[in-house]
Amino acid sequence: MSRTTVSNAYNRPDQLSPELRRRVLDTARRLGYPGPDPVARSLRTRKAGAVGLLLTENLSYAFRDPAALGFLEGLALACEGAGQGLHLVPVNPEREDVAAVHRAGVDGFVVYSVPDDDPHLAAVLSRPVPTVVADQPIVDGVDRVGIDDRAAITRLAQHLITLGHRRVGVVCMRLARDRNDGFAAVDRQEAAHFHVQRARLAGIADAFGPAGVEWARIPVVERFDHTTASGASAAGQLLDSDPGLTAIIATSDILALGAITEARRRGLRVPQDLTVTGFDGIPEGERIGLTTVRQPVLEKGRAAGRLLLGTPDPTRPREVTLDTELVQGTTASTPRTTEERWFGP
């Protein structure tokens, strides 16, 4: 048989009859031939047939964090629709080795929520392949998919103001690559390299400023690790510093779930004694009725994939901004006075 016939049997089976293709594959199996070498083929075609997803987290994070998992599913659906594979490029957030980025055999990158000074981002942008950023950072000349974080959380904060809350605290995700598990001063917030967190904090300030609450008086506790345990410890730190807080605003549902756990551990009822809100709209939050902002994480991943796999236009970067929804759940209510909180009605 000709080389073309054998090649068609593996790469273009529609060009052969089922009987002829079966003969080719059976003979190859008997001779121990495994098929065309994908590495050699990629060298010839200069195509890897895969999209790289850069996560500046350990690999397990993509399968543990519900929002990241929803994004991953949406991106996978877009890749499936285009006949492309998906190559995860996870890196440790506390290391600067960019070798994994340079080794990745991919035709393009989706960068998922990294700080603007991340060395892995710089390594991606040095590769001569198309790139799409999901959420953060905003990079001149690079396509992006995200939401209006500032406006979305402003609506949530205004809801709490309408309920009567003025004495609030905030639990936020990491603001920079250096580890800080404690209170975040205003100058650290304003210099944050994770612009999504910076925008969400600014959005809360946008709401409470006109309500007469000076932003510098609202305590903000930062956590480097994004876990429910981090949310619980951060909420404990807030309540230890000010037991009279009537609400805790968390910048993610994961942190909010931890805050609720800590409140209940202290004998506080949510929302009767303490209001807790989140951000993302993950299934576990919906199950317990969390007051939050729901964002379309699956559609975000799908949109990022479509943007990357579509026809690029280097002269006109594209941006897709998705809608969000304020979910008025059961974890927010009017604040009780200090006396009612500790001694009952």
Protein backbone atom coordinates (compact mmCIF):
# COMPACT_ATOMS: atom_id res chain seq x y z
CA MET A 1 0.00 0.00 0.00
CA SER A 2 1.13 3.55 -0.62
CA ARG A 3 2.24 5.88 2.15
CA THR A 4 -0.75 8.08 1.38
CA THR A 5 -3.18 5.21 1.93
CA VAL A 6 -1.65 4.39 5.31
CA SER A 7 -1.66 8.07 6.29
CA ASN A 8 -5.33 8.39 5.31
CA ALA A 9 -6.20 5.38 7.44
CA TYR A 10 -5.01 7.28 10.53
CA ASN A 11 -5.65 10.90 9.65
CA ARG A 12 -8.44 10.98 7.03
CA PRO A 13 -10.49 7.80 7.42
CA ASP A 14 -13.30 9.19 5.26
CA GLN A 15 -10.99 8.82 2.24
CA LEU A 16 -10.95 5.01 2.54
CA SER A 17 -13.56 2.31 2.55
CA PRO A 18 -14.17 0.74 5.99
CA GLU A 19 -12.76 -2.57 4.75
CA LEU A 20 -9.51 -1.04 3.44
CA ARG A 21 -8.99 1.02 6.61
CA ARG A 22 -9.53 -2.07 8.75
CA ARG A 23 -6.89 -3.97 6.71
CA VAL A 24 -4.38 -1.16 7.21
CA LEU A 25 -4.96 -0.95 10.98
CA ASP A 26 -4.92 -4.74 11.44
CA THR A 27 -1.64 -5.02 9.54
CA ALA A 28 -0.10 -2.16 11.51
CA ARG A 29 -1.15 -3.78 14.77
CA ARG A 30 0.39 -7.11 13.70
CA LEU A 31 3.66 -5.38 12.77
CA GLY A 32 3.72 -3.37 16.00
CA TYR A 33 3.37 0.00 14.27
CA PRO A 34 1.69 2.45 16.73
CA GLY A 35 0.68 5.04 14.14
CA PRO A 36 2.08 8.45 13.12
CA ASP A 37 4.33 10.13 15.68
CA PRO A 38 2.37 13.14 17.00
CA VAL A 39 5.57 15.01 17.82
CA ALA A 40 6.93 14.57 14.29
CA ARG A 41 3.57 15.58 12.84
CA SER A 42 3.50 18.75 14.95
CA LEU A 43 6.99 19.62 13.73
CA ARG A 44 5.84 19.25 10.13
CA THR A 45 2.53 21.09 10.47
CA ARG A 46 3.69 23.54 13.18
CA LYS A 47 0.39 22.81 14.94
CA ALA A 48 0.05 21.09 18.31
CA GLY A 49 -3.72 20.68 18.11
CA ALA A 50 -4.17 21.90 21.70
CA VAL A 51 -5.01 25.01 23.70
CA GLY A 52 -2.93 25.78 26.80
CA LEU A 53 -4.69 26.93 29.97
CA LEU A 54 -2.34 28.82 32.28
CA LEU A 55 -3.30 28.48 35.94
CA THR A 56 -1.00 30.09 38.48
CA GLU A 57 -2.20 27.54 41.00
CA ASN A 58 -1.43 23.92 41.74
CA LEU A 59 -3.18 21.49 39.38
CA SER A 60 -5.66 20.29 42.01
CA TYR A 61 -7.09 23.83 42.27
CA ALA A 62 -8.73 23.51 38.85
CA PHE A 63 -10.77 20.56 40.13
CA ARG A 64 -11.33 21.77 43.70
CA ASP A 65 -12.55 25.33 43.16
CA PRO A 66 -16.13 25.31 41.77
CA ALA A 67 -15.73 28.56 39.81
CA ALA A 68 -12.48 27.37 38.22
CA LEU A 69 -14.07 24.02 37.47
CA GLY A 70 -17.02 25.68 35.73
CA PHE A 71 -14.64 27.82 33.66
CA LEU A 72 -12.61 24.72 32.76
CA GLU A 73 -15.74 22.92 31.59
CA GLY A 74 -16.75 25.83 29.37
CA LEU A 75 -13.28 26.05 27.84
CA ALA A 76 -13.26 22.28 27.26
CA LEU A 77 -16.61 22.52 25.45
CA ALA A 78 -15.22 25.20 23.14
CA CYS A 79 -12.15 23.07 22.43
CA GLU A 80 -14.30 20.01 21.72
CA GLY A 81 -16.38 21.99 19.28
CA ALA A 82 -13.24 23.05 17.41
CA GLY A 83 -11.63 19.61 17.50
CA GLN A 84 -8.83 20.84 19.76
CA GLY A 85 -7.24 19.34 22.84
CA LEU A 86 -6.75 21.14 26.15
CA HIS A 87 -3.38 21.24 27.89
CA LEU A 88 -3.33 22.41 31.53
CA VAL A 89 -0.26 24.45 32.46
CA PRO A 90 -0.49 24.80 36.26
CA VAL A 91 2.30 26.53 38.15
CA ASN A 92 2.96 27.11 41.82
CA PRO A 93 1.95 30.69 42.74
CA GLU A 94 4.97 31.01 45.03
CA ARG A 95 7.58 29.99 42.44
CA GLU A 96 8.94 31.86 39.44
CA ASP A 97 10.12 28.94 37.27
CA VAL A 98 8.52 29.53 33.85
CA ALA A 99 9.86 26.37 32.20
CA ALA A 100 6.39 24.80 32.08
CA VAL A 101 5.18 27.65 29.88
CA HIS A 102 8.09 27.35 27.45
CA ARG A 103 7.73 23.54 27.27
CA ALA A 104 4.00 23.58 26.55
CA GLY A 105 3.27 22.39 23.01
CA VAL A 106 0.16 24.45 22.32
CA ASP A 107 -1.25 26.62 19.54
CA GLY A 108 -2.43 29.34 21.91
CA PHE A 109 -2.98 30.21 25.57
CA VAL A 110 -5.93 31.07 27.75
CA VAL A 111 -4.61 32.82 30.86
CA TYR A 112 -6.97 32.35 33.80
CA SER A 113 -6.95 35.06 36.44
CA VAL A 114 -3.31 35.93 37.20
CA PRO A 115 -1.66 39.07 38.64
CA ASP A 116 -0.30 41.66 36.26
CA ASP A 117 3.28 41.10 37.44
CA ASP A 118 3.26 37.31 37.12
CA PRO A 119 6.41 35.99 35.38
CA HIS A 120 4.41 33.13 33.81
CA LEU A 121 2.17 35.69 32.11
CA ALA A 122 5.26 37.42 30.71
CA ALA A 123 6.49 34.04 29.44
CA VAL A 124 3.15 33.39 27.71
CA LEU A 125 3.16 36.80 26.05
CA SER A 126 6.68 36.14 24.75
CA ARG A 127 5.45 33.10 22.82
CA PRO A 128 4.43 33.79 19.17
CA VAL A 129 0.93 32.32 19.66
CA PRO A 130 -2.48 33.94 20.23
CA THR A 131 -3.51 34.61 23.84
CA VAL A 132 -6.80 35.33 25.61
CA VAL A 133 -6.98 36.54 29.21
CA ALA A 134 -9.90 35.45 31.38
CA ASP A 135 -10.75 37.94 34.16
CA GLN A 136 -7.33 39.42 34.87
CA PRO A 137 -5.11 41.20 34.12
CA ILE A 138 -6.03 43.71 31.44
CA VAL A 139 -3.16 43.67 28.93
CA ASP A 140 -2.91 46.15 26.07
CA GLY A 141 -3.33 44.42 22.74
CA VAL A 142 -4.55 41.11 24.22
CA ASP A 143 -8.10 39.72 23.90
CA ARG A 144 -10.01 39.38 27.19
CA VAL A 145 -13.17 37.80 28.61
CA GLY A 146 -14.59 38.89 31.96
CA ILE A 147 -17.31 40.70 33.90
CA ASP A 148 -17.68 44.16 35.39
CA ASP A 149 -16.56 43.17 38.90
CA ARG A 150 -16.72 46.68 40.28
CA ALA A 151 -20.29 47.37 39.18
CA ALA A 152 -21.47 43.90 40.22
CA ILE A 153 -20.26 44.12 43.82
CA THR A 154 -21.40 47.74 44.10
CA ARG A 155 -24.97 46.50 43.56
CA LEU A 156 -24.46 43.90 46.29
CA ALA A 157 -23.08 46.48 48.73
CA GLN A 158 -25.96 48.85 47.97
CA HIS A 159 -28.36 46.04 48.84
CA LEU A 160 -26.73 45.77 52.28
CA ILE A 161 -26.90 49.54 52.73
CA THR A 162 -30.61 49.43 51.92
CA LEU A 163 -31.01 46.77 54.61
CA GLY A 164 -29.38 49.17 57.07
CA HIS A 165 -25.80 47.89 57.38
CA ARG A 166 -23.05 50.41 58.10
CA ARG A 167 -20.69 48.45 60.38
CA VAL A 168 -19.21 45.89 58.01
CA GLY A 169 -15.98 44.00 57.39
CA VAL A 170 -14.53 42.48 54.23
CA VAL A 171 -12.77 39.18 53.57
CA CYS A 172 -10.86 39.16 50.28
CA MET A 173 -8.71 36.83 48.20
CA ARG A 174 -4.98 37.47 47.75
CA LEU A 175 -4.03 40.90 46.46
CA ALA A 176 -0.47 40.17 45.38
CA ARG A 177 2.03 37.36 44.90
CA ASP A 178 3.57 37.91 48.32
CA ARG A 179 1.80 36.09 51.13
CA ASN A 180 -0.26 38.25 53.47
CA ASP A 181 -2.69 36.54 55.83
CA GLY A 182 -3.97 39.49 57.76
CA PHE A 183 -5.38 42.97 57.51
CA ALA A 184 -4.78 44.74 54.20
CA ALA A 185 -4.16 48.48 54.47
CA VAL A 186 -5.67 50.86 51.92
CA ASP A 187 -2.34 51.40 50.15
CA ARG A 188 -1.97 47.62 49.66
CA GLN A 189 -5.51 47.44 48.28
CA GLU A 190 -4.89 50.26 45.83
CA ALA A 191 -1.62 48.71 44.66
CA ALA A 192 -3.07 45.21 44.28
CA HIS A 193 -1.68 43.26 41.32
CA PHE A 194 -4.85 41.12 41.17
CA HIS A 195 -7.08 43.70 39.56
CA VAL A 196 -10.31 41.71 40.09
CA GLN A 197 -9.87 41.94 43.85
CA ARG A 198 -8.87 45.58 43.53
CA ALA A 199 -12.02 46.27 41.53
CA ARG A 200 -14.26 44.45 43.98
CA LEU A 201 -12.88 46.35 46.95
CA ALA A 202 -13.27 49.63 45.05
CA GLY A 203 -16.86 48.69 44.24
CA ILE A 204 -17.70 48.21 47.91
CA ALA A 205 -16.11 51.59 48.66
CA ASP A 206 -18.19 53.15 45.86
CA ALA A 207 -21.35 52.06 47.66
CA PHE A 208 -20.47 52.84 51.28
CA GLY A 209 -18.82 56.23 50.67
CA PRO A 210 -22.07 58.01 49.70
CA ALA A 211 -23.75 56.26 52.65
CA GLY A 212 -21.42 58.13 55.01
CA VAL A 213 -19.03 55.26 55.77
CA GLU A 214 -15.39 56.15 55.20
CA TRP A 215 -13.63 53.30 53.39
CA ALA A 216 -10.53 53.50 55.60
CA ARG A 217 -12.75 52.60 58.57
CA ILE A 218 -13.93 49.33 56.97
CA PRO A 219 -11.54 46.51 57.97
CA VAL A 220 -10.33 44.28 55.12
CA VAL A 221 -8.73 40.91 55.88
CA GLU A 222 -6.77 39.21 53.09
CA ARG A 223 -6.10 35.50 52.67
CA PHE A 224 -3.51 34.01 50.34
CA ASP A 225 -5.10 30.55 50.06
CA HIS A 226 -8.58 30.37 48.59
CA THR A 227 -10.29 27.82 50.85
CA THR A 228 -13.25 27.70 53.23
CA ALA A 229 -10.75 27.34 56.08
CA SER A 230 -9.20 30.65 55.00
CA GLY A 231 -12.64 32.26 54.98
CA ALA A 232 -13.34 30.96 58.48
CA SER A 233 -10.04 32.21 59.93
CA ALA A 234 -10.41 35.59 58.21
CA ALA A 235 -13.94 36.01 59.56
CA GLY A 236 -12.65 35.11 63.02
CA GLN A 237 -9.97 37.78 62.72
CA LEU A 238 -12.60 40.36 61.77
CA LEU A 239 -14.97 39.43 64.59
CA ASP A 240 -12.15 39.40 67.14
CA SER A 241 -11.20 42.94 66.11
CA ASP A 242 -14.81 44.18 66.11
CA PRO A 243 -17.48 41.92 67.66
CA GLY A 244 -20.10 44.52 66.74
CA LEU A 245 -19.88 43.95 62.98
CA THR A 246 -23.29 43.39 61.46
CA ALA A 247 -22.13 42.06 58.08
CA ILE A 248 -19.16 40.36 56.44
CA ILE A 249 -18.73 40.86 52.71
CA ALA A 250 -16.58 38.13 51.14
CA THR A 251 -15.15 38.60 47.65
CA SER A 252 -15.85 34.93 46.81
CA ASP A 253 -18.44 32.33 47.76
CA ILE A 254 -15.72 29.99 49.04
CA LEU A 255 -14.60 32.60 51.58
CA ALA A 256 -18.23 33.38 52.44
CA LEU A 257 -18.97 29.71 53.20
CA GLY A 258 -16.01 29.68 55.57
CA ALA A 259 -17.23 32.89 57.22
CA ILE A 260 -20.65 31.32 57.84
CA THR A 261 -18.99 28.28 59.41
CA GLU A 262 -17.01 30.51 61.76
CA ALA A 263 -20.07 32.59 62.68
CA ARG A 264 -22.01 29.47 63.63
CA ARG A 265 -19.05 28.13 65.59
CA ARG A 266 -19.26 31.31 67.68
CA GLY A 267 -22.98 30.83 68.24
CA LEU A 268 -23.99 33.61 65.82
CA ARG A 269 -27.03 33.05 63.65
CA VAL A 270 -26.85 33.92 59.96
CA PRO A 271 -28.50 36.25 59.05
CA GLN A 272 -30.26 37.14 62.33
CA ASP A 273 -27.03 38.04 64.13
CA LEU A 274 -24.61 38.41 61.22
CA THR A 275 -25.15 38.95 57.51
CA VAL A 276 -22.69 37.18 55.18
CA THR A 277 -22.43 37.67 51.41
CA GLY A 278 -20.26 36.15 48.68
CA PHE A 279 -19.43 36.47 45.01
CA ASP A 280 -19.51 33.88 42.16
CA GLY A 281 -22.73 31.88 42.46
CA ILE A 282 -21.26 28.41 43.07
CA PRO A 283 -23.64 25.43 43.59
CA GLU A 284 -22.91 25.03 47.32
CA GLY A 285 -23.69 28.69 47.89
CA GLU A 286 -26.96 28.37 46.01
CA ARG A 287 -27.85 25.29 48.06
CA ILE A 288 -27.66 27.20 51.36
CA GLY A 289 -29.27 30.36 49.96
CA LEU A 290 -26.15 32.54 49.99
CA THR A 291 -26.66 36.19 49.10
CA THR A 292 -24.15 36.68 46.32
CA VAL A 293 -23.36 37.80 42.79
CA ARG A 294 -23.80 35.06 40.22
CA GLN A 295 -21.44 35.14 37.28
CA PRO A 296 -21.64 32.80 34.24
CA VAL A 297 -18.39 30.89 34.79
CA LEU A 298 -19.14 28.15 32.24
CA GLU A 299 -20.03 30.68 29.55
CA LYS A 300 -16.89 32.63 30.44
CA GLY A 301 -14.76 29.58 29.66
CA ARG A 302 -16.66 28.89 26.47
CA ALA A 303 -16.31 32.52 25.35
CA ALA A 304 -12.56 32.48 26.06
CA GLY A 305 -12.17 29.34 23.94
CA ARG A 306 -14.20 30.76 21.07
CA LEU A 307 -12.24 33.99 21.17
CA LEU A 308 -8.93 32.14 21.05
CA LEU A 309 -9.96 29.68 18.35
CA GLY A 310 -11.64 32.28 16.15
CA THR A 311 -9.96 34.42 13.53
CA PRO A 312 -7.50 36.72 15.35
CA ASP A 313 -7.16 40.39 14.51
CA PRO A 314 -3.87 41.71 15.92
CA THR A 315 -4.86 45.28 15.10
CA ARG A 316 -8.09 45.19 17.12
CA PRO A 317 -8.11 43.37 20.47
CA ARG A 318 -11.50 42.03 21.41
CA GLU A 319 -13.18 42.12 24.80
CA VAL A 320 -16.23 40.14 25.91
CA THR A 321 -18.01 41.40 29.03
CA LEU A 322 -20.59 39.00 30.44
CA ASP A 323 -23.61 39.90 32.57
CA THR A 324 -23.93 39.12 36.28
CA GLU A 325 -26.93 38.71 38.58
CA LEU A 326 -27.48 39.85 42.16
CA VAL A 327 -28.90 36.90 44.12
CA GLN A 328 -30.80 38.08 47.20
CA GLY A 329 -30.56 34.90 49.24
CA THR A 330 -31.29 34.12 52.85
CA THR A 331 -27.94 35.03 54.43
CA ALA A 332 -28.60 38.78 54.49
CA SER A 333 -31.16 40.68 56.53
CA THR A 334 -31.55 43.90 58.49
CA PRO A 335 -28.95 44.33 61.25
CA ARG A 336 -29.83 43.78 64.85
CA THR A 337 -28.70 46.13 67.58
CA THR A 338 -25.85 44.98 69.80
CA GLU A 339 -28.31 44.30 72.64
CA GLU A 340 -30.62 42.22 70.46
CA ARG A 341 -27.66 40.32 69.04
CA TRP A 342 -26.30 39.18 72.39
CA PHE A 343 -29.41 39.05 74.59
CA GLY A 344 -32.20 38.24 72.14
CA PRO A 345 -35.34 40.24 71.35
